[in-house]
Each structure stands twice: as C-alpha cells, then as structure tokens.
Amino acid sequence: MEEFIPVFNHYYNFLSSNKESVGITYLSHLHEAKMLTLLAENIRKDLILEYTTKGIHKDDLDFSIESHSVKKLDRKGSKKLF
C-alpha cells in the first residue's frame, strides 16, 4: 500500500485536475487481533454459516474523497471512479 497510494494519488489528481484530495485505507480484521484468535472467537458462527467470517479474504480498501468515505457519500459519479 505504501507504494501504491502515491501512484493512485498521482493518477487521480491527473484525472480530477487536482480538484479534490483522495485517500485509501487498508482495512483488515488482522489489525484487531491475531488470525488464530479471530478464528477461535468466530468458530461457532462460522460453522453455522458454513464459511469463515474473519480473515484476509474479508480485507477491504476504504476510498475517501476530501476525508469522507466514498461508501458513505451519495455521489454516484464518485463511486463510479472507484
């Protein structure tokens, strides 16, 4: 992410003519606890659902414009950029 974010910002600024600032945050359950702990805490739920609910397959990227999460913005045009 450290290498990708400057490249992303460069191209976004080019496309938007530097009209707004953007950011990316890497979200992971592993920031909260170790993998074995997460698996142990969620084993019952995972068995019921028949899939693993915590882990790197659930990691996500949160894109923001002007420090506001794109997921929370009601700007459909902005969402399409991502």
PDB file of N, CA and C in Angstrom:
ATOM      1  N   MET A   1       0.821  -1.196   0.000  1.00  0.00           N
ATOM      2  CA  MET A   1       0.000   0.000   0.000  1.00  0.00           C
ATOM      3  C   MET A   1       0.862   1.256   0.000  1.00  0.00           C
ATOM      4  N   GLU A   2       2.002   1.191   0.683  1.00  0.00           N
ATOM      5  CA  GLU A   2       2.879   2.360   0.741  1.00  0.00           C
ATOM      6  C   GLU A   2       3.351   2.777  -0.650  1.00  0.00           C
ATOM      7  N   GLU A   3       3.554   1.815  -1.518  1.00  0.00           N
ATOM      8  CA  GLU A   3       3.992   2.118  -2.880  1.00  0.00           C
ATOM      9  C   GLU A   3       2.820   2.467  -3.786  1.00  0.00           C
ATOM     10  N   PHE A   4       1.663   1.877  -3.529  1.00  0.00           N
ATOM     11  CA  PHE A   4       0.509   2.076  -4.400  1.00  0.00           C
ATOM     12  C   PHE A   4      -0.167   3.428  -4.196  1.00  0.00           C
ATOM     13  N   ILE A   5      -0.281   3.880  -2.962  1.00  0.00           N
ATOM     14  CA  ILE A   5      -1.021   5.109  -2.661  1.00  0.00           C
ATOM     15  C   ILE A   5      -0.482   6.326  -3.418  1.00  0.00           C
ATOM     16  N   PRO A   6       0.839   6.577  -3.466  1.00  0.00           N
ATOM     17  CA  PRO A   6       1.313   7.726  -4.238  1.00  0.00           C
ATOM     18  C   PRO A   6       0.980   7.624  -5.734  1.00  0.00           C
ATOM     19  N   VAL A   7       1.035   6.430  -6.281  1.00  0.00           N
ATOM     20  CA  VAL A   7       0.693   6.236  -7.701  1.00  0.00           C
ATOM     21  C   VAL A   7      -0.788   6.511  -7.910  1.00  0.00           C
ATOM     22  N   PHE A   8      -1.624   5.976  -7.013  1.00  0.00           N
ATOM     23  CA  PHE A   8      -3.061   6.215  -7.086  1.00  0.00           C
ATOM     24  C   PHE A   8      -3.367   7.712  -7.009  1.00  0.00           C
ATOM     25  N   ASN A   9      -2.754   8.395  -6.050  1.00  0.00           N
ATOM     26  CA  ASN A   9      -2.980   9.839  -5.895  1.00  0.00           C
ATOM     27  C   ASN A   9      -2.548  10.603  -7.138  1.00  0.00           C
ATOM     28  N   HIS A  10      -1.417  10.234  -7.702  1.00  0.00           N
ATOM     29  CA  HIS A  10      -0.918  10.910  -8.903  1.00  0.00           C
ATOM     30  C   HIS A  10      -1.945  10.818 -10.040  1.00  0.00           C
ATOM     31  N   TYR A  11      -2.423   9.629 -10.308  1.00  0.00           N
ATOM     32  CA  TYR A  11      -3.360   9.450 -11.422  1.00  0.00           C
ATOM     33  C   TYR A  11      -4.731  10.044 -11.124  1.00  0.00           C
ATOM     34  N   TYR A  12      -5.170   9.957  -9.893  1.00  0.00           N
ATOM     35  CA  TYR A  12      -6.447  10.572  -9.548  1.00  0.00           C
ATOM     36  C   TYR A  12      -6.360  12.088  -9.706  1.00  0.00           C
ATOM     37  N   ASN A  13      -5.271  12.676  -9.240  1.00  0.00           N
ATOM     38  CA  ASN A  13      -5.087  14.122  -9.388  1.00  0.00           C
ATOM     39  C   ASN A  13      -5.054  14.519 -10.861  1.00  0.00           C
ATOM     40  N   PHE A  14      -4.439  13.708 -11.679  1.00  0.00           N
ATOM     41  CA  PHE A  14      -4.407  13.979 -13.120  1.00  0.00           C
ATOM     42  C   PHE A  14      -5.827  13.960 -13.689  1.00  0.00           C
ATOM     43  N   LEU A  15      -6.598  12.941 -13.343  1.00  0.00           N
ATOM     44  CA  LEU A  15      -7.960  12.803 -13.869  1.00  0.00           C
ATOM     45  C   LEU A  15      -8.905  13.873 -13.341  1.00  0.00           C
ATOM     46  N   SER A  16      -8.708  14.295 -12.100  1.00  0.00           N
ATOM     47  CA  SER A  16      -9.624  15.262 -11.489  1.00  0.00           C
ATOM     48  C   SER A  16      -9.107  16.697 -11.562  1.00  0.00           C
ATOM     49  N   SER A  17      -7.969  16.897 -12.211  1.00  0.00           N
ATOM     50  CA  SER A  17      -7.345  18.228 -12.302  1.00  0.00           C
ATOM     51  C   SER A  17      -7.078  18.817 -10.924  1.00  0.00           C
ATOM     52  N   ASN A  18      -6.687  17.992  -9.981  1.00  0.00           N
ATOM     53  CA  ASN A  18      -6.350  18.399  -8.611  1.00  0.00           C
ATOM     54  C   ASN A  18      -7.484  19.110  -7.892  1.00  0.00           C
ATOM     55  N   LYS A  19      -8.740  18.791  -8.223  1.00  0.00           N
ATOM     56  CA  LYS A  19      -9.872  19.489  -7.613  1.00  0.00           C
ATOM     57  C   LYS A  19     -10.248  18.964  -6.236  1.00  0.00           C
ATOM     58  N   GLU A  20      -9.825  17.741  -5.902  1.00  0.00           N
ATOM     59  CA  GLU A  20     -10.152  17.187  -4.601  1.00  0.00           C
ATOM     60  C   GLU A  20      -9.069  16.199  -4.183  1.00  0.00           C
ATOM     61  N   SER A  21      -8.923  16.042  -2.873  1.00  0.00           N
ATOM     62  CA  SER A  21      -7.920  15.102  -2.382  1.00  0.00           C
ATOM     63  C   SER A  21      -8.573  13.751  -2.110  1.00  0.00           C
ATOM     64  N   VAL A  22      -7.819  12.696  -2.335  1.00  0.00           N
ATOM     65  CA  VAL A  22      -8.331  11.348  -2.127  1.00  0.00           C
ATOM     66  C   VAL A  22      -7.402  10.569  -1.215  1.00  0.00           C
ATOM     67  N   GLY A  23      -7.913   9.498  -0.674  1.00  0.00           N
ATOM     68  CA  GLY A  23      -7.103   8.646   0.173  1.00  0.00           C
ATOM     69  C   GLY A  23      -7.589   7.214   0.116  1.00  0.00           C
ATOM     70  N   ILE A  24      -6.736   6.314   0.553  1.00  0.00           N
ATOM     71  CA  ILE A  24      -7.073   4.901   0.627  1.00  0.00           C
ATOM     72  C   ILE A  24      -6.620   4.388   1.991  1.00  0.00           C
ATOM     73  N   THR A  25      -7.481   3.632   2.640  1.00  0.00           N
ATOM     74  CA  THR A  25      -7.140   2.993   3.895  1.00  0.00           C
ATOM     75  C   THR A  25      -7.357   1.497   3.743  1.00  0.00           C
ATOM     76  N   TYR A  26      -6.367   0.718   4.147  1.00  0.00           N
ATOM     77  CA  TYR A  26      -6.465  -0.734   4.103  1.00  0.00           C
ATOM     78  C   TYR A  26      -7.108  -1.210   5.400  1.00  0.00           C
ATOM     79  N   LEU A  27      -8.240  -1.890   5.286  1.00  0.00           N
ATOM     80  CA  LEU A  27      -8.982  -2.370   6.447  1.00  0.00           C
ATOM     81  C   LEU A  27      -8.821  -3.883   6.559  1.00  0.00           C
ATOM     82  N   SER A  28      -8.426  -4.361   7.734  1.00  0.00           N
ATOM     83  CA  SER A  28      -8.222  -5.778   7.938  1.00  0.00           C
ATOM     84  C   SER A  28      -8.616  -6.173   9.354  1.00  0.00           C
ATOM     85  N   HIS A  29      -9.232  -7.343   9.475  1.00  0.00           N
ATOM     86  CA  HIS A  29      -9.524  -7.882  10.806  1.00  0.00           C
ATOM     87  C   HIS A  29      -8.234  -8.152  11.568  1.00  0.00           C
ATOM     88  N   LEU A  30      -7.150  -8.366  10.849  1.00  0.00           N
ATOM     89  CA  LEU A  30      -5.877  -8.671  11.497  1.00  0.00           C
ATOM     90  C   LEU A  30      -5.277  -7.459  12.205  1.00  0.00           C
ATOM     91  N   HIS A  31      -5.855  -6.282  12.008  1.00  0.00           N
ATOM     92  CA  HIS A  31      -5.448  -5.102  12.779  1.00  0.00           C
ATOM     93  C   HIS A  31      -6.022  -5.186  14.194  1.00  0.00           C
ATOM     94  N   GLU A  32      -7.089  -5.987  14.364  1.00  0.00           N
ATOM     95  CA  GLU A  32      -7.775  -6.112  15.653  1.00  0.00           C
ATOM     96  C   GLU A  32      -7.174  -7.211  16.525  1.00  0.00           C
ATOM     97  N   ALA A  33      -6.804  -8.333  15.900  1.00  0.00           N
ATOM     98  CA  ALA A  33      -6.302  -9.483  16.661  1.00  0.00           C
ATOM     99  C   ALA A  33      -5.551 -10.417  15.727  1.00  0.00           C
ATOM    100  N   LYS A  34      -4.880 -11.390  16.323  1.00  0.00           N
ATOM    101  CA  LYS A  34      -4.162 -12.380  15.520  1.00  0.00           C
ATOM    102  C   LYS A  34      -5.160 -13.340  14.869  1.00  0.00           C
ATOM    103  N   MET A  35      -4.755 -13.920  13.738  1.00  0.00           N
ATOM    104  CA  MET A  35      -5.636 -14.784  12.969  1.00  0.00           C
ATOM    105  C   MET A  35      -6.197 -15.940  13.797  1.00  0.00           C
ATOM    106  N   LEU A  36      -5.352 -16.619  14.554  1.00  0.00           N
ATOM    107  CA  LEU A  36      -5.831 -17.750  15.361  1.00  0.00           C
ATOM    108  C   LEU A  36      -6.864 -17.311  16.389  1.00  0.00           C
ATOM    109  N   THR A  37      -6.686 -16.137  16.950  1.00  0.00           N
ATOM    110  CA  THR A  37      -7.656 -15.600  17.912  1.00  0.00           C
ATOM    111  C   THR A  37      -8.987 -15.325  17.223  1.00  0.00           C
ATOM    112  N   LEU A  38      -8.939 -14.707  16.053  1.00  0.00           N
ATOM    113  CA  LEU A  38     -10.168 -14.407  15.304  1.00  0.00           C
ATOM    114  C   LEU A  38     -10.911 -15.688  14.939  1.00  0.00           C
ATOM    115  N   LEU A  39     -10.172 -16.688  14.478  1.00  0.00           N
ATOM    116  CA  LEU A  39     -10.809 -17.959  14.119  1.00  0.00           C
ATOM    117  C   LEU A  39     -11.456 -18.615  15.332  1.00  0.00           C
ATOM    118  N   ALA A  40     -10.754 -18.617  16.457  1.00  0.00           N
ATOM    119  CA  ALA A  40     -11.291 -19.223  17.671  1.00  0.00           C
ATOM    120  C   ALA A  40     -12.535 -18.490  18.167  1.00  0.00           C
ATOM    121  N   GLU A  41     -12.527 -17.167  18.101  1.00  0.00           N
ATOM    122  CA  GLU A  41     -13.660 -16.370  18.575  1.00  0.00           C
ATOM    123  C   GLU A  41     -14.899 -16.538  17.697  1.00  0.00           C
ATOM    124  N   ASN A  42     -14.701 -16.896  16.440  1.00  0.00           N
ATOM    125  CA  ASN A  42     -15.818 -16.945  15.492  1.00  0.00           C
ATOM    126  C   ASN A  42     -16.169 -18.348  15.015  1.00  0.00           C
ATOM    127  N   ILE A  43     -15.616 -19.380  15.649  1.00  0.00           N
ATOM    128  CA  ILE A  43     -15.799 -20.749  15.165  1.00  0.00           C
ATOM    129  C   ILE A  43     -17.266 -21.174  15.131  1.00  0.00           C
ATOM    130  N   ARG A  44     -18.037 -20.856  16.164  1.00  0.00           N
ATOM    131  CA  ARG A  44     -19.455 -21.255  16.182  1.00  0.00           C
ATOM    132  C   ARG A  44     -20.236 -20.597  15.042  1.00  0.00           C
ATOM    133  N   LYS A  45     -20.046 -19.314  14.905  1.00  0.00           N
ATOM    134  CA  LYS A  45     -20.727 -18.578  13.833  1.00  0.00           C
ATOM    135  C   LYS A  45     -20.307 -19.114  12.466  1.00  0.00           C
ATOM    136  N   ASP A  46     -19.024 -19.373  12.294  1.00  0.00           N
ATOM    137  CA  ASP A  46     -18.513 -19.886  11.023  1.00  0.00           C
ATOM    138  C   ASP A  46     -19.088 -21.261  10.697  1.00  0.00           C
ATOM    139  N   LEU A  47     -19.218 -22.113  11.693  1.00  0.00           N
ATOM    140  CA  LEU A  47     -19.790 -23.444  11.470  1.00  0.00           C
ATOM    141  C   LEU A  47     -21.258 -23.353  11.059  1.00  0.00           C
ATOM    142  N   ILE A  48     -21.981 -22.451  11.683  1.00  0.00           N
ATOM    143  CA  ILE A  48     -23.397 -22.261  11.329  1.00  0.00           C
ATOM    144  C   ILE A  48     -23.527 -21.726   9.907  1.00  0.00           C
ATOM    145  N   LEU A  49     -22.725 -20.730   9.574  1.00  0.00           N
ATOM    146  CA  LEU A  49     -22.791 -20.110   8.249  1.00  0.00           C
ATOM    147  C   LEU A  49     -22.110 -20.945   7.167  1.00  0.00           C
ATOM    148  N   GLU A  50     -21.264 -21.876   7.586  1.00  0.00           N
ATOM    149  CA  GLU A  50     -20.507 -22.749   6.684  1.00  0.00           C
ATOM    150  C   GLU A  50     -19.492 -21.991   5.827  1.00  0.00           C
ATOM    151  N   TYR A  51     -18.983 -20.908   6.364  1.00  0.00           N
ATOM    152  CA  TYR A  51     -17.854 -20.201   5.757  1.00  0.00           C
ATOM    153  C   TYR A  51     -17.145 -19.382   6.829  1.00  0.00           C
ATOM    154  N   THR A  52     -15.918 -19.018   6.564  1.00  0.00           N
ATOM    155  CA  THR A  52     -15.113 -18.260   7.516  1.00  0.00           C
ATOM    156  C   THR A  52     -15.441 -16.779   7.397  1.00  0.00           C
ATOM    157  N   THR A  53     -15.806 -16.164   8.524  1.00  0.00           N
ATOM    158  CA  THR A  53     -16.245 -14.768   8.503  1.00  0.00           C
ATOM    159  C   THR A  53     -15.134 -13.763   8.792  1.00  0.00           C
ATOM    160  N   LYS A  54     -13.995 -14.234   9.228  1.00  0.00           N
ATOM    161  CA  LYS A  54     -12.870 -13.340   9.526  1.00  0.00           C
ATOM    162  C   LYS A  54     -11.633 -13.853   8.807  1.00  0.00           C
ATOM    163  N   GLY A  55     -10.786 -12.934   8.386  1.00  0.00           N
ATOM    164  CA  GLY A  55      -9.538 -13.314   7.736  1.00  0.00           C
ATOM    165  C   GLY A  55      -9.204 -12.382   6.588  1.00  0.00           C
ATOM    166  N   ILE A  56      -8.102 -12.656   5.921  1.00  0.00           N
ATOM    167  CA  ILE A  56      -7.629 -11.745   4.877  1.00  0.00           C
ATOM    168  C   ILE A  56      -8.567 -11.705   3.667  1.00  0.00           C
ATOM    169  N   HIS A  57      -9.376 -12.746   3.486  1.00  0.00           N
ATOM    170  CA  HIS A  57     -10.337 -12.735   2.377  1.00  0.00           C
ATOM    171  C   HIS A  57     -11.443 -11.707   2.608  1.00  0.00           C
ATOM    172  N   LYS A  58     -11.526 -11.190   3.814  1.00  0.00           N
ATOM    173  CA  LYS A  58     -12.511 -10.156   4.140  1.00  0.00           C
ATOM    174  C   LYS A  58     -11.882  -8.764   4.222  1.00  0.00           C
ATOM    175  N   ASP A  59     -10.593  -8.658   3.915  1.00  0.00           N
ATOM    176  CA  ASP A  59      -9.932  -7.351   3.916  1.00  0.00           C
ATOM    177  C   ASP A  59     -10.581  -6.457   2.865  1.00  0.00           C
ATOM    178  N   ASP A  60     -10.462  -5.157   3.059  1.00  0.00           N
ATOM    179  CA  ASP A  60     -11.124  -4.215   2.165  1.00  0.00           C
ATOM    180  C   ASP A  60     -10.282  -2.951   2.040  1.00  0.00           C
ATOM    181  N   LEU A  61     -10.579  -2.181   1.026  1.00  0.00           N
ATOM    182  CA  LEU A  61      -9.980  -0.863   0.846  1.00  0.00           C
ATOM    183  C   LEU A  61     -11.082   0.170   1.018  1.00  0.00           C
ATOM    184  N   ASP A  62     -10.824   1.179   1.822  1.00  0.00           N
ATOM    185  CA  ASP A  62     -11.775   2.268   2.006  1.00  0.00           C
ATOM    186  C   ASP A  62     -11.237   3.480   1.263  1.00  0.00           C
ATOM    187  N   PHE A  63     -11.923   3.867   0.199  1.00  0.00           N
ATOM    188  CA  PHE A  63     -11.540   5.040  -0.579  1.00  0.00           C
ATOM    189  C   PHE A  63     -12.240   6.259   0.002  1.00  0.00           C
ATOM    190  N   SER A  64     -11.522   7.372   0.072  1.00  0.00           N
ATOM    191  CA  SER A  64     -12.116   8.595   0.601  1.00  0.00           C
ATOM    192  C   SER A  64     -11.838   9.769  -0.334  1.00  0.00           C
ATOM    193  N   ILE A  65     -12.786  10.697  -0.346  1.00  0.00           N
ATOM    194  CA  ILE A  65     -12.643  11.950  -1.079  1.00  0.00           C
ATOM    195  C   ILE A  65     -12.846  13.067  -0.072  1.00  0.00           C
ATOM    196  N   GLU A  66     -11.879  13.958  -0.003  1.00  0.00           N
ATOM    197  CA  GLU A  66     -11.928  15.062   0.962  1.00  0.00           C
ATOM    198  C   GLU A  66     -12.196  14.520   2.376  1.00  0.00           C
ATOM    199  N   SER A  67     -11.527  13.440   2.736  1.00  0.00           N
ATOM    200  CA  SER A  67     -11.600  12.802   4.055  1.00  0.00           C
ATOM    201  C   SER A  67     -12.953  12.176   4.377  1.00  0.00           C
ATOM    202  N   HIS A  68     -13.806  11.970   3.384  1.00  0.00           N
ATOM    203  CA  HIS A  68     -15.105  11.327   3.587  1.00  0.00           C
ATOM    204  C   HIS A  68     -15.125  10.012   2.815  1.00  0.00           C
ATOM    205  N   SER A  69     -15.524   8.953   3.487  1.00  0.00           N
ATOM    206  CA  SER A  69     -15.563   7.639   2.863  1.00  0.00           C
ATOM    207  C   SER A  69     -16.488   7.637   1.655  1.00  0.00           C
ATOM    208  N   VAL A  70     -16.018   7.083   0.554  1.00  0.00           N
ATOM    209  CA  VAL A  70     -16.836   7.009  -0.655  1.00  0.00           C
ATOM    210  C   VAL A  70     -18.061   6.134  -0.413  1.00  0.00           C
ATOM    211  N   LYS A  71     -17.929   5.136   0.436  1.00  0.00           N
ATOM    212  CA  LYS A  71     -19.061   4.262   0.748  1.00  0.00           C
ATOM    213  C   LYS A  71     -20.199   5.041   1.385  1.00  0.00           C
ATOM    214  N   LYS A  72     -19.882   6.117   2.074  1.00  0.00           N
ATOM    215  CA  LYS A  72     -20.895   6.901   2.769  1.00  0.00           C
ATOM    216  C   LYS A  72     -21.377   8.098   1.950  1.00  0.00           C
ATOM    217  N   LEU A  73     -20.665   8.415   0.871  1.00  0.00           N
ATOM    218  CA  LEU A  73     -21.062   9.545   0.040  1.00  0.00           C
ATOM    219  C   LEU A  73     -22.225   9.158  -0.854  1.00  0.00           C
ATOM    220  N   ASP A  74     -23.067  10.107  -1.152  1.00  0.00           N
ATOM    221  CA  ASP A  74     -24.195   9.848  -2.033  1.00  0.00           C
ATOM    222  C   ASP A  74     -23.917  10.448  -3.407  1.00  0.00           C
ATOM    223  N   ARG A  75     -22.682  10.361  -3.838  1.00  0.00           N
ATOM    224  CA  ARG A  75     -22.282  10.901  -5.136  1.00  0.00           C
ATOM    225  C   ARG A  75     -21.997   9.726  -6.049  1.00  0.00           C
ATOM    226  N   LYS A  76     -22.966   9.335  -6.843  1.00  0.00           N
ATOM    227  CA  LYS A  76     -22.840   8.156  -7.690  1.00  0.00           C
ATOM    228  C   LYS A  76     -21.696   8.288  -8.661  1.00  0.00           C
ATOM    229  N   GLY A  77     -21.434   9.481  -9.146  1.00  0.00           N
ATOM    230  CA  GLY A  77     -20.318   9.699 -10.055  1.00  0.00           C
ATOM    231  C   GLY A  77     -18.994   9.399  -9.395  1.00  0.00           C
ATOM    232  N   SER A  78     -18.852   9.760  -8.126  1.00  0.00           N
ATOM    233  CA  SER A  78     -17.624   9.479  -7.383  1.00  0.00           C
ATOM    234  C   SER A  78     -17.442   7.991  -7.170  1.00  0.00           C
ATOM    235  N   LYS A  79     -18.517   7.299  -6.882  1.00  0.00           N
ATOM    236  CA  LYS A  79     -18.432   5.854  -6.670  1.00  0.00           C
ATOM    237  C   LYS A  79     -17.981   5.151  -7.941  1.00  0.00           C
ATOM    238  N   LYS A  80     -18.425   5.643  -9.091  1.00  0.00           N
ATOM    239  CA  LYS A  80     -18.062   5.011 -10.354  1.00  0.00           C
ATOM    240  C   LYS A  80     -16.573   5.130 -10.631  1.00  0.00           C
ATOM    241  N   LEU A  81     -15.930   6.175 -10.122  1.00  0.00           N
ATOM    242  CA  LEU A  81     -14.496   6.321 -10.331  1.00  0.00           C
ATOM    243  C   LEU A  81     -13.730   5.189  -9.683  1.00  0.00           C
ATOM    244  N   PHE A  82     -14.273   4.623  -8.621  1.00  0.00           N
ATOM    245  CA  PHE A  82     -13.609   3.528  -7.922  1.00  0.00           C
ATOM    246  C   PHE A  82     -14.241   2.245  -8.315  1.00  0.00           C
TER     247      PHE A  82
END
